[in-house]
C-alpha atoms as a PDB file:
ATOM      1  CA  MET A   1     123.564 184.704 105.699  1.00  0.00           C
ATOM      2  CA  PRO A   2     126.972 184.022 103.951  1.00  0.00           C
ATOM      3  CA  ALA A   3     127.186 183.335 100.120  1.00  0.00           C
ATOM      4  CA  SER A   4     128.034 179.326  99.686  1.00  0.00           C
ATOM      5  CA  GLY A   5     131.596 180.759  98.389  1.00  0.00           C
ATOM      6  CA  ALA A   6     132.570 182.289 101.128  1.00  0.00           C
ATOM      7  CA  VAL A   7     131.529 179.287 103.569  1.00  0.00           C
ATOM      8  CA  THR A   8     133.212 176.864 100.709  1.00  0.00           C
ATOM      9  CA  ARG A   9     136.671 179.250 101.158  1.00  0.00           C
ATOM     10  CA  SER A  10     136.604 179.700 104.557  1.00  0.00           C
ATOM     11  CA  THR A  11     135.864 175.689 104.834  1.00  0.00           C
ATOM     12  CA  LEU A  12     138.830 174.933 102.691  1.00  0.00           C
ATOM     13  CA  SER A  13     141.101 177.761 104.448  1.00  0.00           C
ATOM     14  CA  ARG A  14     140.243 175.088 107.917  1.00  0.00           C
ATOM     15  CA  GLN A  15     141.295 171.977 105.869  1.00  0.00           C
ATOM     16  CA  ILE A  16     144.454 173.667 104.707  1.00  0.00           C
ATOM     17  CA  ALA A  17     145.254 174.665 108.161  1.00  0.00           C
ATOM     18  CA  ASP A  18     144.491 171.488 110.123  1.00  0.00           C
ATOM     19  CA  ALA A  19     146.538 169.729 107.699  1.00  0.00           C
ATOM     20  CA  LEU A  20     149.610 171.914 107.887  1.00  0.00           C
ATOM     21  CA  ARG A  21     149.434 171.509 111.430  1.00  0.00           C
ATOM     22  CA  ASP A  22     149.308 167.881 111.173  1.00  0.00           C
ATOM     23  CA  GLU A  23     152.663 168.619 109.491  1.00  0.00           C
ATOM     24  CA  VAL A  24     154.064 170.579 111.918  1.00  0.00           C
ATOM     25  CA  LEU A  25     152.855 168.440 114.906  1.00  0.00           C
ATOM     26  CA  ALA A  26     154.518 165.257 112.731  1.00  0.00           C
ATOM     27  CA  GLY A  27     158.068 166.744 112.330  1.00  0.00           C
ATOM     28  CA  ARG A  28     157.563 166.685 108.623  1.00  0.00           C
ATOM     29  CA  LEU A  29     157.411 170.665 108.161  1.00  0.00           C
ATOM     30  CA  GLY A  30     160.519 171.080 110.654  1.00  0.00           C
ATOM     31  CA  ALA A  31     161.170 174.410 113.084  1.00  0.00           C
ATOM     32  CA  GLY A  32     162.756 176.855 110.489  1.00  0.00           C
ATOM     33  CA  ARG A  33     161.396 175.485 107.251  1.00  0.00           C
ATOM     34  CA  GLU A  34     160.661 178.345 105.096  1.00  0.00           C
ATOM     35  CA  PHE A  35     157.638 178.649 102.682  1.00  0.00           C
ATOM     36  CA  THR A  36     155.642 180.846 100.596  1.00  0.00           C
ATOM     37  CA  VAL A  37     152.193 181.260  99.816  1.00  0.00           C
ATOM     38  CA  LYS A  38     152.296 180.604  96.504  1.00  0.00           C
ATOM     39  CA  GLN A  39     154.212 177.111  97.303  1.00  0.00           C
ATOM     40  CA  ILE A  40     151.746 176.135  99.401  1.00  0.00           C
ATOM     41  CA  ALA A  41     148.621 176.922  96.718  1.00  0.00           C
ATOM     42  CA  GLU A  42     150.413 175.008  94.284  1.00  0.00           C
ATOM     43  CA  GLN A  43     150.930 171.946  96.530  1.00  0.00           C
ATOM     44  CA  TYR A  44     147.689 171.879  97.443  1.00  0.00           C
ATOM     45  CA  GLY A  45     145.870 173.193  94.061  1.00  0.00           C
ATOM     46  CA  VAL A  46     144.206 176.047  95.511  1.00  0.00           C
ATOM     47  CA  SER A  47     144.253 179.458  95.092  1.00  0.00           C
ATOM     48  CA  ALA A  48     146.021 181.869  97.095  1.00  0.00           C
ATOM     49  CA  THR A  49     143.319 183.237  99.355  1.00  0.00           C
ATOM     50  CA  PRO A  50     142.525 180.185 101.420  1.00  0.00           C
ATOM     51  CA  VAL A  51     146.048 179.090 101.670  1.00  0.00           C
ATOM     52  CA  ARG A  52     147.442 182.661 102.918  1.00  0.00           C
ATOM     53  CA  GLU A  53     143.868 183.040 105.120  1.00  0.00           C
ATOM     54  CA  ALA A  54     145.174 179.523 106.937  1.00  0.00           C
ATOM     55  CA  LEU A  55     148.745 180.806 107.009  1.00  0.00           C
ATOM     56  CA  VAL A  56     147.816 183.414 109.511  1.00  0.00           C
ATOM     57  CA  ASP A  57     145.654 181.179 111.174  1.00  0.00           C
ATOM     58  CA  LEU A  58     148.605 179.368 112.390  1.00  0.00           C
ATOM     59  CA  CYS A  59     150.688 182.174 112.891  1.00  0.00           C
ATOM     60  CA  ALA A  60     148.107 183.223 115.260  1.00  0.00           C
ATOM     61  CA  GLN A  61     148.700 179.928 116.924  1.00  0.00           C
ATOM     62  CA  GLY A  62     152.086 180.356 117.188  1.00  0.00           C
ATOM     63  CA  LEU A  63     153.108 177.407 115.146  1.00  0.00           C
ATOM     64  CA  LEU A  64     154.107 179.976 112.062  1.00  0.00           C
ATOM     65  CA  ASP A  65     156.419 183.195 111.667  1.00  0.00           C
ATOM     66  CA  SER A  66     155.263 185.595 108.940  1.00  0.00           C
ATOM     67  CA  ASP A  67     157.989 187.853 107.372  1.00  0.00           C
ATOM     68  CA  GLN A  68     156.909 190.062 104.978  1.00  0.00           C
ATOM     69  CA  HIS A  69     159.869 189.789 102.336  1.00  0.00           C
ATOM     70  CA  ARG A  70     160.702 185.693 102.929  1.00  0.00           C
ATOM     71  CA  GLY A  71     157.439 184.376 103.710  1.00  0.00           C
ATOM     72  CA  PHE A  72     156.442 182.319 106.267  1.00  0.00           C
ATOM     73  CA  ARG A  73     158.817 180.307 108.807  1.00  0.00           C
ATOM     74  CA  VAL A  74     157.867 177.205 110.808  1.00  0.00           C
ATOM     75  CA  HIS A  75     158.408 178.605 114.584  1.00  0.00           C
ATOM     76  CA  GLN A  76     161.359 176.991 116.598  1.00  0.00           C
ATOM     77  CA  TYR A  77     160.552 176.778 120.176  1.00  0.00           C
ATOM     78  CA  SER A  78     163.249 176.547 122.698  1.00  0.00           C
ATOM     79  CA  VAL A  79     163.610 174.719 125.665  1.00  0.00           C
ATOM     80  CA  ASP A  80     162.758 177.649 128.065  1.00  0.00           C
ATOM     81  CA  ASP A  81     159.505 177.829 125.664  1.00  0.00           C
ATOM     82  CA  TYR A  82     158.829 174.329 126.595  1.00  0.00           C
ATOM     83  CA  ARG A  83     159.441 174.886 130.496  1.00  0.00           C
ATOM     84  CA  ARG A  84     157.311 178.010 130.110  1.00  0.00           C
ATOM     85  CA  MET A  85     154.692 176.177 128.540  1.00  0.00           C
ATOM     86  CA  VAL A  86     154.285 173.715 131.222  1.00  0.00           C
ATOM     87  CA  GLU A  87     154.755 176.341 134.271  1.00  0.00           C
ATOM     88  CA  ALA A  88     152.020 177.985 132.264  1.00  0.00           C
ATOM     89  CA  ARG A  89     148.879 175.348 132.252  1.00  0.00           C
ATOM     90  CA  MET A  90     150.557 174.227 135.752  1.00  0.00           C
ATOM     91  CA  LEU A  91     149.381 177.638 136.935  1.00  0.00           C
ATOM     92  CA  VAL A  92     146.138 177.168 134.524  1.00  0.00           C
ATOM     93  CA  VAL A  93     145.260 173.914 135.952  1.00  0.00           C
ATOM     94  CA  ASP A  94     146.277 174.351 139.447  1.00  0.00           C
ATOM     95  CA  GLY A  95     143.558 176.890 139.802  1.00  0.00           C
ATOM     96  CA  ILE A  96     140.646 175.469 137.869  1.00  0.00           C
ATOM     97  CA  PHE A  97     141.290 172.789 140.562  1.00  0.00           C
ATOM     98  CA  ARG A  98     141.439 175.148 143.637  1.00  0.00           C
ATOM     99  CA  ARG A  99     138.692 177.836 143.024  1.00  0.00           C
ATOM    100  CA  ARG A 100     136.135 176.081 144.325  1.00  0.00           C
ATOM    101  CA  ALA A 101     135.740 172.369 146.127  1.00  0.00           C
ATOM    102  CA  THR A 102     133.056 171.710 143.165  1.00  0.00           C
ATOM    103  CA  ALA A 103     135.663 172.290 140.278  1.00  0.00           C
ATOM    104  CA  LEU A 104     134.937 168.923 139.077  1.00  0.00           C
ATOM    105  CA  PRO A 105     131.832 168.252 137.128  1.00  0.00           C
ATOM    106  CA  CYS A 106     131.169 165.059 139.002  1.00  0.00           C
ATOM    107  CA  PRO A 107     129.717 165.388 142.494  1.00  0.00           C
ATOM    108  CA  PRO A 108     130.561 162.242 144.455  1.00  0.00           C
ATOM    109  CA  GLN A 109     127.407 160.269 143.641  1.00  0.00           C
ATOM    110  CA  GLY A 110     128.665 160.506 140.271  1.00  0.00           C
ATOM    111  CA  PRO A 111     128.577 162.476 136.973  1.00  0.00           C
ATOM    112  CA  GLU A 112     125.144 163.720 135.253  1.00  0.00           C
ATOM    113  CA  PRO A 113     124.303 161.429 132.754  1.00  0.00           C
ATOM    114  CA  GLY A 114     125.463 164.377 130.249  1.00  0.00           C
ATOM    115  CA  VAL A 115     128.834 164.505 131.804  1.00  0.00           C
ATOM    116  CA  GLY A 116     129.054 160.809 132.392  1.00  0.00           C
ATOM    117  CA  VAL A 117     128.546 159.757 128.336  1.00  0.00           C
ATOM    118  CA  ALA A 118     131.088 163.218 127.890  1.00  0.00           C
ATOM    119  CA  LEU A 119     133.865 161.627 130.407  1.00  0.00           C
ATOM    120  CA  VAL A 120     133.287 157.965 128.473  1.00  0.00           C
ATOM    121  CA  SER A 121     133.982 159.721 125.482  1.00  0.00           C
ATOM    122  CA  VAL A 122     137.290 161.239 127.289  1.00  0.00           C
ATOM    123  CA  ARG A 123     138.244 157.951 128.938  1.00  0.00           C
ATOM    124  CA  ARG A 124     138.035 156.044 125.183  1.00  0.00           C
ATOM    125  CA  ARG A 125     140.583 158.813 123.773  1.00  0.00           C
ATOM    126  CA  GLY A 126     142.321 158.654 127.326  1.00  0.00           C
ATOM    127  CA  GLU A 127     142.725 154.369 126.744  1.00  0.00           C
ATOM    128  CA  ALA A 128     143.976 154.971 123.256  1.00  0.00           C
ATOM    129  CA  ALA A 129     146.727 157.660 123.821  1.00  0.00           C
ATOM    130  CA  ALA A 130     148.565 155.683 127.105  1.00  0.00           C
ATOM    131  CA  ARG A 131     148.479 152.249 124.528  1.00  0.00           C
ATOM    132  CA  ALA A 132     150.147 154.041 122.437  1.00  0.00           C
ATOM    133  CA  ALA A 133     152.650 156.137 124.771  1.00  0.00           C
ATOM    134  CA  ARG A 134     153.604 152.870 126.069  1.00  0.00           C
ATOM    135  CA  ALA A 135     153.413 151.282 122.647  1.00  0.00           C
ATOM    136  CA  GLY A 136     155.875 154.346 121.712  1.00  0.00           C
ATOM    137  CA  ASP A 137     153.857 155.048 118.481  1.00  0.00           C
ATOM    138  CA  LEU A 138     154.228 158.941 118.643  1.00  0.00           C
ATOM    139  CA  ASP A 139     151.930 159.261 115.537  1.00  0.00           C
ATOM    140  CA  VAL A 140     148.934 158.057 116.765  1.00  0.00           C
ATOM    141  CA  LEU A 141     149.967 159.620 120.246  1.00  0.00           C
ATOM    142  CA  ILE A 142     149.523 163.079 119.488  1.00  0.00           C
ATOM    143  CA  GLY A 143     146.251 163.103 117.605  1.00  0.00           C
ATOM    144  CA  TYR A 144     144.368 161.236 120.694  1.00  0.00           C
ATOM    145  CA  ASP A 145     146.014 163.257 123.370  1.00  0.00           C
ATOM    146  CA  ILE A 146     145.428 166.381 121.866  1.00  0.00           C
ATOM    147  CA  ARG A 147     141.356 165.308 121.541  1.00  0.00           C
ATOM    148  CA  TYR A 148     141.781 163.580 124.988  1.00  0.00           C
ATOM    149  CA  TRP A 149     143.031 167.340 126.585  1.00  0.00           C
ATOM    150  CA  HIS A 150     140.650 169.098 125.335  1.00  0.00           C
ATOM    151  CA  GLU A 151     137.653 167.324 125.894  1.00  0.00           C
ATOM    152  CA  LEU A 152     138.824 167.113 129.169  1.00  0.00           C
ATOM    153  CA  GLY A 153     139.452 170.886 129.563  1.00  0.00           C
ATOM    154  CA  ARG A 154     136.464 172.030 128.490  1.00  0.00           C
ATOM    155  CA  LEU A 155     134.584 169.446 130.695  1.00  0.00           C
ATOM    156  CA  VAL A 156     136.511 170.424 133.956  1.00  0.00           C
ATOM    157  CA  ALA A 157     137.020 174.414 133.534  1.00  0.00           C
ATOM    158  CA  ALA A 158     133.401 174.630 132.275  1.00  0.00           C
ATOM    159  CA  ASN A 159     135.160 177.718 130.827  1.00  0.00           C
ATOM    160  CA  ASP A 160     135.726 177.953 126.956  1.00  0.00           C
ATOM    161  CA  HIS A 161     138.363 180.400 127.087  1.00  0.00           C
ATOM    162  CA  LEU A 162     140.704 178.652 129.671  1.00  0.00           C
ATOM    163  CA  ALA A 163     140.204 175.440 127.921  1.00  0.00           C
ATOM    164  CA  ASP A 164     140.943 176.745 124.493  1.00  0.00           C
ATOM    165  CA  PHE A 165     144.528 178.279 125.938  1.00  0.00           C
ATOM    166  CA  LEU A 166     145.360 175.377 127.549  1.00  0.00           C
ATOM    167  CA  HIS A 167     144.581 173.284 124.086  1.00  0.00           C
ATOM    168  CA  ARG A 168     146.858 176.253 122.153  1.00  0.00           C
ATOM    169  CA  LEU A 169     149.440 175.388 125.044  1.00  0.00           C
ATOM    170  CA  ARG A 170     149.173 171.537 124.419  1.00  0.00           C
ATOM    171  CA  VAL A 171     149.923 171.598 120.384  1.00  0.00           C
ATOM    172  CA  GLN A 172     153.103 174.458 121.087  1.00  0.00           C
ATOM    173  CA  ALA A 173     154.592 171.342 123.451  1.00  0.00           C
ATOM    174  CA  TRP A 174     153.602 168.736 120.854  1.00  0.00           C
ATOM    175  CA  VAL A 175     155.204 171.135 118.219  1.00  0.00           C
ATOM    176  CA  PHE A 176     158.384 171.359 120.204  1.00  0.00           C
ATOM    177  CA  SER A 177     158.852 167.860 121.853  1.00  0.00           C
ATOM    178  CA  VAL A 178     158.257 165.328 118.447  1.00  0.00           C
ATOM    179  CA  PRO A 179     161.599 166.363 116.641  1.00  0.00           C
ATOM    180  CA  HIS A 180     162.886 165.676 120.264  1.00  0.00           C
ATOM    181  CA  LEU A 181     161.746 162.405 121.297  1.00  0.00           C
ATOM    182  CA  ARG A 182     161.741 160.742 117.579  1.00  0.00           C
ATOM    183  CA  SER A 183     165.617 161.181 118.816  1.00  0.00           C
ATOM    184  CA  GLU A 184     165.121 159.425 122.615  1.00  0.00           C
ATOM    185  CA  ARG A 185     166.483 156.442 122.891  1.00  0.00           C
ATOM    186  CA  ASP A 186     164.840 155.772 125.891  1.00  0.00           C
ATOM    187  CA  LEU A 187     161.644 157.186 124.488  1.00  0.00           C
ATOM    188  CA  LEU A 188     158.953 154.956 126.186  1.00  0.00           C
ATOM    189  CA  GLY A 189     160.630 156.533 129.729  1.00  0.00           C
ATOM    190  CA  TRP A 190     159.645 159.778 128.605  1.00  0.00           C
ATOM    191  CA  LEU A 191     156.112 159.244 127.683  1.00  0.00           C
ATOM    192  CA  TRP A 192     153.459 160.061 129.502  1.00  0.00           C
ATOM    193  CA  SER A 193     151.036 157.403 129.770  1.00  0.00           C
ATOM    194  CA  GLY A 194     148.426 158.373 132.759  1.00  0.00           C
ATOM    195  CA  HIS A 195     145.547 159.633 130.842  1.00  0.00           C
ATOM    196  CA  VAL A 196     143.561 156.556 132.399  1.00  0.00           C
ATOM    197  CA  ASP A 197     144.328 157.737 136.029  1.00  0.00           C
ATOM    198  CA  LEU A 198     143.140 161.462 135.402  1.00  0.00           C
ATOM    199  CA  VAL A 199     140.158 160.696 134.072  1.00  0.00           C
ATOM    200  CA  ASP A 200     139.323 158.136 136.411  1.00  0.00           C
ATOM    201  CA  ALA A 201     139.850 161.117 139.410  1.00  0.00           C
ATOM    202  CA  VAL A 202     137.527 163.229 137.447  1.00  0.00           C
ATOM    203  CA  THR A 203     135.054 160.531 137.355  1.00  0.00           C
ATOM    204  CA  ARG A 204     135.133 159.934 141.401  1.00  0.00           C
ATOM    205  CA  GLY A 205     135.124 164.041 141.558  1.00  0.00           C
ATOM    206  CA  ASP A 206     138.407 163.373 143.515  1.00  0.00           C
ATOM    207  CA  ALA A 207     139.920 167.024 143.184  1.00  0.00           C
ATOM    208  CA  ASP A 208     142.841 166.171 145.090  1.00  0.00           C
ATOM    209  CA  ALA A 209     143.818 163.071 143.394  1.00  0.00           C
ATOM    210  CA  ALA A 210     143.272 164.544 139.370  1.00  0.00           C
ATOM    211  CA  LEU A 211     145.690 167.180 140.774  1.00  0.00           C
ATOM    212  CA  ALA A 212     148.064 165.052 142.087  1.00  0.00           C
ATOM    213  CA  VAL A 213     148.063 162.891 138.546  1.00  0.00           C
ATOM    214  CA  VAL A 214     148.529 166.568 136.702  1.00  0.00           C
ATOM    215  CA  ARG A 215     151.124 167.536 138.768  1.00  0.00           C
ATOM    216  CA  ALA A 216     153.160 164.669 138.816  1.00  0.00           C
ATOM    217  CA  TYR A 217     152.841 164.998 134.747  1.00  0.00           C
ATOM    218  CA  ASN A 218     153.870 168.534 134.654  1.00  0.00           C
ATOM    219  CA  ALA A 219     157.153 167.760 137.218  1.00  0.00           C
ATOM    220  CA  HIS A 220     157.576 164.358 134.526  1.00  0.00           C
ATOM    221  CA  SER A 221     157.722 167.030 131.452  1.00  0.00           C
ATOM    222  CA  LEU A 222     159.882 169.686 133.501  1.00  0.00           C
ATOM    223  CA  GLU A 223     162.698 166.871 134.751  1.00  0.00           C
ATOM    224  CA  TRP A 224     162.560 166.093 130.746  1.00  0.00           C
ATOM    225  CA  ALA A 225     163.177 169.568 129.823  1.00  0.00           C
ATOM    226  CA  ASP A 226     165.948 169.641 132.670  1.00  0.00           C
ATOM    227  CA  ARG A 227     167.429 166.513 130.861  1.00  0.00           C
ATOM    228  CA  LEU A 228     167.351 167.774 126.946  1.00  0.00           C
ATOM    229  CA  GLU A 229     169.903 170.443 128.492  1.00  0.00           C
ATOM    230  CA  ASP A 230     172.011 168.332 129.902  1.00  0.00           C
ATOM    231  CA  PRO A 231     174.272 167.138 127.097  1.00  0.00           C
ATOM    232  CA  GLU A 232     175.934 163.681 129.098  1.00  0.00           C
ATOM    233  CA  ARG A 233     171.761 162.990 129.827  1.00  0.00           C
ATOM    234  CA  ARG A 234     170.117 163.076 126.564  1.00  0.00           C
ATOM    235  CA  GLY A 235     169.727 160.148 124.371  1.00  0.00           C
ATOM    236  CA  GLY A 236     169.643 159.757 120.272  1.00  0.00           C
ATOM    237  CA  ALA A 237     171.427 161.270 117.662  1.00  0.00           C
END
């Protein structure tokens, strides 16, 4: 059994990692921003050890880069990086739905009680995410969208490794997207709000309908990436 000090340090490290990840997701720690372990430790009033552990964890998630001489830096994703994220999730999700006829956790006669309870939670998050998307509220949307996809991914994939991989892609895609979306003149036109349609298809056990929703969403994301590379079509400052 680990010592209480180790448990406390591990918990503190996770809290710092979560707080910094939220700062990066919100765009308050922008791409290329540099900082040291000492600066973060002073900011949170803690020792260097849990901070270092948190920063190393964020590096493993692809959100930070480590420089032996200069400390840490928020990773800067390119449009090509974002496009590859979308293409990767397309391949994985397509494979999940196609690997067997019973890829979805819900048979045509309806979900099992435990799955049904989980889907109610996913649907509530989806409804909140869709409302935020239609209102253009990025700060609310990000949190609900990430939790929605993570929970739904675990249900549909029935494989924690695949679900965690998709979750990592989701976080990275948001890190790239937020600064661009905040400068969009047509923000509402580019925020996806099909969360409820997807969870409804999963609840019905309709893999084809669910796959169609996801494919349309990914096509929408790739169209936005193309638009970012065309100065004549971009909005914002």
